[in-house]
């Protein structure tokens, strides 16, 4: 099965593909290990924190704060590590 999405005025685009084949949790261990440790993984290349919200998502990706509400996406570049720490605390409740 393929899940697609179309933004207003745009063509349908495939988002992801899946089957209904059942799997055991341990079947996902190799890919989980890749995401946690591989130099090729997006998650080991930069700091990233993301949460769904009631109407979208908020993401902190290195010094970029991304807020998505419905179809609207706003990006704001933080100026320094102090702003990064403040955003991490404000939006995610994480204090380092």
Protein backbone atom coordinates (compact mmCIF):
# COMPACT_ATOMS: atom_id res chain seq x y z
CA UNK A 1 0.00 0.00 0.00
CA UNK A 2 1.14 3.53 -0.72
CA UNK A 3 0.00 6.56 1.24
CA UNK A 4 -0.11 9.77 -0.76
CA UNK A 5 -0.74 13.40 0.07
CA UNK A 6 -1.64 16.43 -2.03
CA UNK A 7 -1.29 20.00 -0.88
CA UNK A 8 -3.88 22.43 -2.26
CA UNK A 9 -3.10 23.17 -5.90
CA UNK A 10 -0.41 20.47 -6.15
CA UNK A 11 -0.24 16.92 -7.49
CA UNK A 12 -0.49 13.85 -5.27
CA UNK A 13 2.88 12.71 -3.93
CA UNK A 14 3.73 9.36 -2.36
CA UNK A 15 4.63 9.74 1.32
CA UNK A 16 5.44 6.16 2.30
CA UNK A 17 4.79 2.56 1.37
CA UNK A 18 3.93 -0.40 3.57
CA UNK A 19 2.48 -3.90 3.61
CA UNK A 20 0.14 -5.57 6.07
CA UNK A 21 2.72 -8.29 6.81
CA UNK A 22 2.99 -8.72 10.59
CA UNK A 23 6.44 -8.34 12.20
CA UNK A 24 7.95 -8.95 15.61
CA UNK A 25 9.53 -6.06 17.51
CA UNK A 26 12.99 -7.63 17.19
CA UNK A 27 12.67 -7.47 13.38
CA UNK A 28 13.26 -3.74 13.68
CA UNK A 29 16.46 -3.98 15.77
CA UNK A 30 18.96 -3.72 12.86
CA UNK A 31 17.36 -0.56 11.46
CA UNK A 32 17.08 0.91 14.95
CA UNK A 33 20.80 0.26 15.48
CA UNK A 34 21.55 1.98 12.15
CA UNK A 35 19.59 5.10 13.10
CA UNK A 36 21.33 5.28 16.49
CA UNK A 37 24.92 4.63 15.43
CA UNK A 38 25.61 4.95 11.70
CA UNK A 39 27.50 8.01 10.43
CA UNK A 40 25.06 7.89 7.48
CA UNK A 41 22.00 8.26 9.73
CA UNK A 42 20.23 11.60 9.84
CA UNK A 43 19.99 11.23 13.62
CA UNK A 44 23.76 11.06 14.18
CA UNK A 45 24.55 14.03 11.92
CA UNK A 46 22.83 16.76 13.94
CA UNK A 47 20.82 17.48 17.06
CA UNK A 48 17.12 16.94 16.46
CA UNK A 49 14.03 17.01 18.63
CA UNK A 50 10.50 16.82 17.25
CA UNK A 51 7.00 16.56 18.69
CA UNK A 52 3.54 16.39 17.20
CA UNK A 53 1.17 19.12 18.36
CA UNK A 54 -2.63 19.21 18.30
CA UNK A 55 -2.53 20.95 14.91
CA UNK A 56 0.90 20.15 13.46
CA UNK A 57 4.47 19.59 14.59
CA UNK A 58 7.37 21.45 16.18
CA UNK A 59 10.96 20.53 15.42
CA UNK A 60 14.31 21.79 16.63
CA UNK A 61 16.99 20.73 14.16
CA UNK A 62 20.35 22.13 15.25
CA UNK A 63 19.75 25.90 15.21
CA UNK A 64 16.60 25.71 13.08
CA UNK A 65 13.21 25.91 14.77
CA UNK A 66 10.44 24.59 12.52
CA UNK A 67 6.76 25.05 13.37
CA UNK A 68 4.11 23.42 11.19
CA UNK A 69 0.44 24.25 11.71
CA UNK A 70 -1.86 22.60 9.20
CA UNK A 71 -0.35 23.33 5.79
CA UNK A 72 1.75 26.28 7.04
CA UNK A 73 5.42 25.71 7.80
CA UNK A 74 7.55 28.40 9.45
CA UNK A 75 11.32 28.16 9.88
CA UNK A 76 13.35 30.37 12.17
CA UNK A 77 17.11 30.21 12.57
CA UNK A 78 18.23 30.62 16.16
CA UNK A 79 21.18 32.93 16.74
CA UNK A 80 23.22 30.94 19.22
CA UNK A 81 23.39 28.13 21.76
CA UNK A 82 21.57 30.19 24.40
CA UNK A 83 18.55 30.50 22.10
CA UNK A 84 18.83 26.77 21.32
CA UNK A 85 18.73 25.90 25.03
CA UNK A 86 15.79 28.28 25.57
CA UNK A 87 13.81 26.75 22.66
CA UNK A 88 14.57 23.23 23.89
CA UNK A 89 13.20 24.15 27.32
CA UNK A 90 10.20 26.16 26.06
CA UNK A 91 8.89 23.78 23.40
CA UNK A 92 10.08 20.39 24.65
CA UNK A 93 10.45 20.82 28.41
CA UNK A 94 14.10 19.70 28.21
CA UNK A 95 16.72 21.49 30.29
CA UNK A 96 20.35 20.53 29.85
